[in-house]
C-alpha atoms as a PDB file:
ATOM      1  CA  MET A   1      64.494 114.827 -29.319  1.00  0.00           C
ATOM      2  CA  THR A   2      61.182 113.516 -30.478  1.00  0.00           C
ATOM      3  CA  VAL A   3      58.806 115.568 -28.236  1.00  0.00           C
ATOM      4  CA  ARG A   4      60.581 118.600 -29.606  1.00  0.00           C
ATOM      5  CA  ILE A   5      60.210 118.132 -33.241  1.00  0.00           C
ATOM      6  CA  LYS A   6      56.622 117.207 -32.660  1.00  0.00           C
ATOM      7  CA  VAL A   7      56.154 120.539 -30.920  1.00  0.00           C
ATOM      8  CA  HIS A   8      57.714 122.728 -33.394  1.00  0.00           C
ATOM      9  CA  LEU A   9      55.801 120.841 -35.944  1.00  0.00           C
ATOM     10  CA  VAL A  10      52.275 121.265 -34.027  1.00  0.00           C
ATOM     11  CA  ALA A  11      53.279 125.133 -33.577  1.00  0.00           C
ATOM     12  CA  LEU A  12      54.385 125.476 -37.018  1.00  0.00           C
ATOM     13  CA  MET A  13      51.129 124.042 -38.296  1.00  0.00           C
ATOM     14  CA  ALA A  14      49.159 126.457 -35.602  1.00  0.00           C
ATOM     15  CA  ILE A  15      51.079 129.343 -37.224  1.00  0.00           C
ATOM     16  CA  LEU A  16      50.462 128.218 -40.711  1.00  0.00           C
ATOM     17  CA  GLY A  17      46.881 127.228 -40.188  1.00  0.00           C
ATOM     18  CA  GLY A  18      46.190 131.127 -38.938  1.00  0.00           C
ATOM     19  CA  CYS A  19      45.790 130.289 -35.604  1.00  0.00           C
ATOM     20  CA  ALA A  20      47.653 132.581 -32.727  1.00  0.00           C
ATOM     21  CA  SER A  21      51.121 131.904 -32.644  1.00  0.00           C
ATOM     22  CA  ALA A  22      51.219 130.420 -28.742  1.00  0.00           C
ATOM     23  CA  PRO A  23      54.189 127.991 -27.737  1.00  0.00           C
ATOM     24  CA  ILE A  24      52.834 124.738 -26.989  1.00  0.00           C
ATOM     25  CA  TYR A  25      54.578 122.862 -24.034  1.00  0.00           C
ATOM     26  CA  ALA A  26      54.293 119.149 -24.364  1.00  0.00           C
ATOM     27  CA  ALA A  27      54.757 117.896 -20.783  1.00  0.00           C
ATOM     28  CA  PRO A  28      57.481 115.314 -20.426  1.00  0.00           C
ATOM     29  CA  SER A  29      56.401 111.454 -20.260  1.00  0.00           C
ATOM     30  CA  THR A  30      55.443 110.834 -16.358  1.00  0.00           C
ATOM     31  CA  PRO A  31      55.797 107.697 -14.819  1.00  0.00           C
ATOM     32  CA  VAL A  32      52.833 105.613 -14.078  1.00  0.00           C
ATOM     33  CA  TYR A  33      53.232 103.742 -10.715  1.00  0.00           C
ATOM     34  CA  ILE A  34      51.994 100.249 -10.469  1.00  0.00           C
ATOM     35  CA  ARG A  35      50.907  98.708  -7.122  1.00  0.00           C
ATOM     36  CA  GLN A  36      49.992  94.996  -6.990  1.00  0.00           C
ATOM     37  CA  GLU A  37      47.747  94.469  -4.461  1.00  0.00           C
ATOM     38  CA  SER A  38      47.516  90.557  -3.477  1.00  0.00           C
ATOM     39  CA  THR A  39      45.021  88.514  -0.936  1.00  0.00           C
ATOM     40  CA  VAL A  40      45.080  84.934  -0.228  1.00  0.00           C
ATOM     41  CA  LEU A  41      42.070  82.351   0.973  1.00  0.00           C
ATOM     42  CA  ILE A  42      42.575  78.693   1.646  1.00  0.00           C
ATOM     43  CA  LEU A  43      39.566  76.876   0.722  1.00  0.00           C
ATOM     44  CA  GLU A  44      38.966  73.716   2.946  1.00  0.00           C
ATOM     45  CA  SER A  45      36.255  72.109   1.599  1.00  0.00           C
ATOM     46  CA  LEU A  46      33.181  72.216  -1.101  1.00  0.00           C
ATOM     47  CA  ARG A  47      30.774  72.598   1.476  1.00  0.00           C
ATOM     48  CA  ALA A  48      28.072  75.562   0.782  1.00  0.00           C
ATOM     49  CA  SER A  49      29.311  77.426   3.299  1.00  0.00           C
ATOM     50  CA  GLU A  50      32.949  77.298   1.897  1.00  0.00           C
ATOM     51  CA  ARG A  51      31.817  78.203  -1.449  1.00  0.00           C
ATOM     52  CA  GLN A  52      29.716  81.332   0.032  1.00  0.00           C
ATOM     53  CA  ARG A  53      33.158  82.460   1.783  1.00  0.00           C
ATOM     54  CA  LEU A  54      34.950  82.109  -1.580  1.00  0.00           C
ATOM     55  CA  ARG A  55      32.158  84.335  -3.519  1.00  0.00           C
ATOM     56  CA  ASN A  56      32.217  86.707  -0.392  1.00  0.00           C
ATOM     57  CA  PHE A  57      36.276  86.712  -0.431  1.00  0.00           C
ATOM     58  CA  LEU A  58      36.347  87.504  -4.320  1.00  0.00           C
ATOM     59  CA  GLU A  59      33.436  90.219  -4.162  1.00  0.00           C
ATOM     60  CA  ARG A  60      35.352  91.966  -1.786  1.00  0.00           C
ATOM     61  CA  ALA A  61      38.976  91.827  -3.425  1.00  0.00           C
ATOM     62  CA  SER A  62      37.398  93.080  -6.631  1.00  0.00           C
ATOM     63  CA  ARG A  63      35.605  96.377  -5.205  1.00  0.00           C
ATOM     64  CA  GLY A  64      33.146  96.104  -7.744  1.00  0.00           C
ATOM     65  CA  ARG A  65      35.275  95.545 -10.518  1.00  0.00           C
ATOM     66  CA  ARG A  66      35.690  91.996 -10.995  1.00  0.00           C
ATOM     67  CA  ASP A  67      37.150  92.484 -14.469  1.00  0.00           C
ATOM     68  CA  ALA A  68      39.971  93.777 -12.618  1.00  0.00           C
ATOM     69  CA  LEU A  69      40.652  90.261 -10.814  1.00  0.00           C
ATOM     70  CA  HIS A  70      43.572  87.996 -11.655  1.00  0.00           C
ATOM     71  CA  LEU A  71      43.375  84.396  -9.771  1.00  0.00           C
ATOM     72  CA  LEU A  72      45.991  82.163  -9.101  1.00  0.00           C
ATOM     73  CA  ILE A  73      44.552  78.803  -7.666  1.00  0.00           C
ATOM     74  CA  SER A  74      47.208  75.990  -6.350  1.00  0.00           C
ATOM     75  CA  GLY A  75      46.728  72.892  -4.225  1.00  0.00           C
ATOM     76  CA  SER A  76      43.572  70.391  -4.591  1.00  0.00           C
ATOM     77  CA  PRO A  77      42.349  69.592  -7.916  1.00  0.00           C
ATOM     78  CA  ARG A  78      38.867  69.114  -6.896  1.00  0.00           C
ATOM     79  CA  LEU A  79      38.796  72.257  -4.828  1.00  0.00           C
ATOM     80  CA  GLY A  80      40.925  74.308  -7.564  1.00  0.00           C
ATOM     81  CA  ALA A  81      37.708  73.246 -10.032  1.00  0.00           C
ATOM     82  CA  GLU A  82      35.147  74.381  -7.791  1.00  0.00           C
ATOM     83  CA  ALA A  83      37.255  77.559  -7.094  1.00  0.00           C
ATOM     84  CA  VAL A  84      37.301  78.088 -11.153  1.00  0.00           C
ATOM     85  CA  HIS A  85      33.559  77.148 -11.149  1.00  0.00           C
ATOM     86  CA  GLN A  86      32.370  79.578  -8.922  1.00  0.00           C
ATOM     87  CA  ALA A  87      34.653  82.379  -9.907  1.00  0.00           C
ATOM     88  CA  LYS A  88      33.366  82.105 -13.996  1.00  0.00           C
ATOM     89  CA  GLN A  89      29.799  81.892 -12.371  1.00  0.00           C
ATOM     90  CA  MET A  90      30.639  85.376 -10.820  1.00  0.00           C
ATOM     91  CA  GLY A  91      31.717  86.912 -14.122  1.00  0.00           C
ATOM     92  CA  ILE A  92      35.560  86.414 -13.774  1.00  0.00           C
ATOM     93  CA  ASP A  93      37.145  86.028 -17.396  1.00  0.00           C
ATOM     94  CA  ALA A  94      38.764  82.404 -17.654  1.00  0.00           C
ATOM     95  CA  ASN A  95      41.600  84.125 -19.108  1.00  0.00           C
ATOM     96  CA  ASN A  96      42.458  86.102 -15.576  1.00  0.00           C
ATOM     97  CA  ILE A  97      42.405  82.632 -14.067  1.00  0.00           C
ATOM     98  CA  GLN A  98      45.732  80.464 -13.726  1.00  0.00           C
ATOM     99  CA  LEU A  99      45.820  77.029 -11.846  1.00  0.00           C
ATOM    100  CA  LEU A 100      49.265  76.000 -10.644  1.00  0.00           C
ATOM    101  CA  ASP A 101      50.934  73.761  -8.428  1.00  0.00           C
ATOM    102  CA  GLN A 102      47.877  71.018  -8.303  1.00  0.00           C
ATOM    103  CA  HIS A 103      48.693  68.161  -5.847  1.00  0.00           C
ATOM    104  CA  ASP A 104      46.511  66.074  -3.861  1.00  0.00           C
ATOM    105  CA  GLY A 105      45.865  68.000  -0.515  1.00  0.00           C
ATOM    106  CA  ARG A 106      43.017  68.557   1.498  1.00  0.00           C
ATOM    107  CA  THR A 107      43.192  72.728   0.921  1.00  0.00           C
ATOM    108  CA  ALA A 108      43.257  75.102  -2.247  1.00  0.00           C
ATOM    109  CA  ARG A 109      45.033  78.296  -2.089  1.00  0.00           C
ATOM    110  CA  ILE A 110      43.589  81.107  -3.871  1.00  0.00           C
ATOM    111  CA  GLU A 111      45.517  84.026  -4.508  1.00  0.00           C
ATOM    112  CA  VAL A 112      43.704  87.097  -5.806  1.00  0.00           C
ATOM    113  CA  ILE A 113      45.795  89.870  -7.336  1.00  0.00           C
ATOM    114  CA  VAL A 114      44.578  93.237  -8.288  1.00  0.00           C
ATOM    115  CA  TYR A 115      46.465  95.872  -9.797  1.00  0.00           C
ATOM    116  CA  HIS A 116      46.249  99.478  -9.204  1.00  0.00           C
ATOM    117  CA  ALA A 117      47.895 101.973 -11.540  1.00  0.00           C
ATOM    118  CA  ARG A 118      48.940 105.487 -10.077  1.00  0.00           C
ATOM    119  CA  PRO A 119      49.831 107.767 -12.468  1.00  0.00           C
ATOM    120  CA  ALA A 120      51.178 111.194 -11.911  1.00  0.00           C
ATOM    121  CA  ASP A 121      48.933 114.585 -11.318  1.00  0.00           C
ATOM    122  CA  CYS A 122      48.454 116.576 -14.182  1.00  0.00           C
ATOM    123  CA  PRO A 123      48.776 120.264 -13.650  1.00  0.00           C
ATOM    124  CA  SER A 124      45.846 122.362 -13.322  1.00  0.00           C
ATOM    125  CA  VAL A 125      45.138 124.209 -16.670  1.00  0.00           C
ATOM    126  CA  SER A 126      41.682 125.893 -15.169  1.00  0.00           C
ATOM    127  CA  SER A 127      43.979 128.350 -12.927  1.00  0.00           C
ATOM    128  CA  GLN A 128      45.618 129.766 -15.926  1.00  0.00           C
ATOM    129  CA  LEU A 129      44.244 132.672 -17.823  1.00  0.00           C
ATOM    130  CA  PRO A 130      45.097 132.524 -21.377  1.00  0.00           C
ATOM    131  CA  SER A 131      46.975 135.361 -22.404  1.00  0.00           C
ATOM    132  CA  ASP A 132      48.481 136.985 -25.940  1.00  0.00           C
ATOM    133  CA  GLU A 133      51.894 135.858 -24.829  1.00  0.00           C
ATOM    134  CA  SER A 134      51.578 132.214 -24.005  1.00  0.00           C
ATOM    135  CA  VAL A 135      49.497 129.407 -23.376  1.00  0.00           C
ATOM    136  CA  ASP A 136      50.907 126.777 -21.585  1.00  0.00           C
ATOM    137  CA  LEU A 137      49.340 123.591 -21.837  1.00  0.00           C
ATOM    138  CA  PRO A 138      50.734 120.135 -20.833  1.00  0.00           C
ATOM    139  CA  LEU A 139      49.807 117.910 -23.765  1.00  0.00           C
ATOM    140  CA  GLY A 140      48.679 114.508 -23.409  1.00  0.00           C
ATOM    141  CA  CYS A 141      48.761 114.305 -19.610  1.00  0.00           C
ATOM    142  CA  SER A 142      44.876 113.727 -19.181  1.00  0.00           C
ATOM    143  CA  THR A 143      44.835 110.881 -21.890  1.00  0.00           C
ATOM    144  CA  ARG A 144      47.666 109.203 -20.225  1.00  0.00           C
ATOM    145  CA  HIS A 145      46.163 109.605 -16.695  1.00  0.00           C
ATOM    146  CA  ASN A 146      42.733 108.121 -17.722  1.00  0.00           C
ATOM    147  CA  LEU A 147      44.238 105.158 -19.521  1.00  0.00           C
ATOM    148  CA  ALA A 148      46.317 104.330 -16.537  1.00  0.00           C
ATOM    149  CA  VAL A 149      43.437 104.396 -14.296  1.00  0.00           C
ATOM    150  CA  MET A 150      40.751 102.634 -16.780  1.00  0.00           C
ATOM    151  CA  VAL A 151      43.184  99.186 -17.748  1.00  0.00           C
ATOM    152  CA  ASN A 152      42.563  96.058 -15.639  1.00  0.00           C
ATOM    153  CA  ASP A 153      46.345  95.081 -15.748  1.00  0.00           C
ATOM    154  CA  PRO A 154      48.734  98.371 -15.882  1.00  0.00           C
ATOM    155  CA  ARG A 155      51.654  96.140 -16.849  1.00  0.00           C
ATOM    156  CA  ASP A 156      49.664  96.015 -20.526  1.00  0.00           C
ATOM    157  CA  LEU A 157      50.906  99.637 -20.930  1.00  0.00           C
ATOM    158  CA  PHE A 158      54.224  98.707 -20.963  1.00  0.00           C
ATOM    159  CA  ASP A 159      54.506  95.229 -22.587  1.00  0.00           C
ATOM    160  CA  ASN A 160      51.231  93.648 -23.977  1.00  0.00           C
ATOM    161  CA  LYS A 161      51.823  90.126 -24.699  1.00  0.00           C
ATOM    162  CA  ALA A 162      48.263  89.404 -25.800  1.00  0.00           C
ATOM    163  CA  VAL A 163      48.391  91.482 -28.536  1.00  0.00           C
ATOM    164  CA  LYS A 164      50.526  90.316 -31.484  1.00  0.00           C
ATOM    165  CA  PRO A 165      52.078  92.449 -33.738  1.00  0.00           C
ATOM    166  CA  SER A 166      50.966  92.542 -37.501  1.00  0.00           C
ATOM    167  CA  ASP A 167      52.306  93.728 -40.668  1.00  0.00           C
ATOM    168  CA  GLY A 168      49.133  95.399 -41.909  1.00  0.00           C
ATOM    169  CA  ASP A 169      48.441  93.036 -45.025  1.00  0.00           C
ATOM    170  CA  ARG A 170      45.138  92.407 -43.744  1.00  0.00           C
ATOM    171  CA  ALA A 171      44.087  95.611 -43.021  1.00  0.00           C
ATOM    172  CA  ALA A 172      45.103  96.961 -46.305  1.00  0.00           C
ATOM    173  CA  ILE A 173      42.502  94.255 -48.094  1.00  0.00           C
ATOM    174  CA  PRO A 174      39.413  96.838 -47.671  1.00  0.00           C
ATOM    175  CA  VAL A 175      41.651  99.629 -49.266  1.00  0.00           C
ATOM    176  CA  ALA A 176      42.444  97.484 -52.505  1.00  0.00           C
ATOM    177  CA  LYS A 177      39.004  96.234 -52.867  1.00  0.00           C
ATOM    178  CA  TYR A 178      37.786  99.810 -52.734  1.00  0.00           C
ATOM    179  CA  ARG A 179      40.482 100.934 -55.013  1.00  0.00           C
ATOM    180  CA  THR A 180      39.562  98.326 -57.709  1.00  0.00           C
ATOM    181  CA  PHE A 181      35.713  98.851 -57.163  1.00  0.00           C
ATOM    182  CA  THR A 182      36.174 102.688 -58.072  1.00  0.00           C
ATOM    183  CA  ALA A 183      38.181 101.942 -61.118  1.00  0.00           C
ATOM    184  CA  GLU A 184      35.827  99.422 -62.409  1.00  0.00           C
ATOM    185  CA  LYS A 185      33.065 102.401 -62.034  1.00  0.00           C
ATOM    186  CA  SER A 186      35.325 105.003 -63.645  1.00  0.00           C
ATOM    187  CA  ALA A 187      35.803 102.345 -66.683  1.00  0.00           C
ATOM    188  CA  GLU A 188      32.218 102.029 -67.350  1.00  0.00           C
END
């Protein structure tokens, strides 16, 4: 219902603004499909060959996007600490690394999770020829598509726990200062 109201409001603004009165089509919200890809490596020692194997594993899993990796590390605390150290040296954000189930063992399990978002395809606009009667453009489809492809964790599109809601008081401080500044200038 809100989509219809917005579409009618946009169409009314276009008519009143002197634009052609072409109907505007707002594409229904299309789902974004999220696929989680998970791979596991068992780290057995702190030798240089094992560290190199870990670095190669992380590089292959990232496919050039180290910022998109999420690591779950469990097992030996010493091996887990080394895995964290190597991951941070490679540029993986500490917020994307979780240490779980630490116990005295001889191995560490490193699970790498990468999320892939697959938004629905947008209809082609280039095949349509605009006419005087109607122009049928899906509004917002390409924006949703590009946003879903860019994010590192597509779950953030649905429920982002990292960003806390605010009441806007802090954002209003510069406006209040500006208003008092202009009021002081006009009084002089």
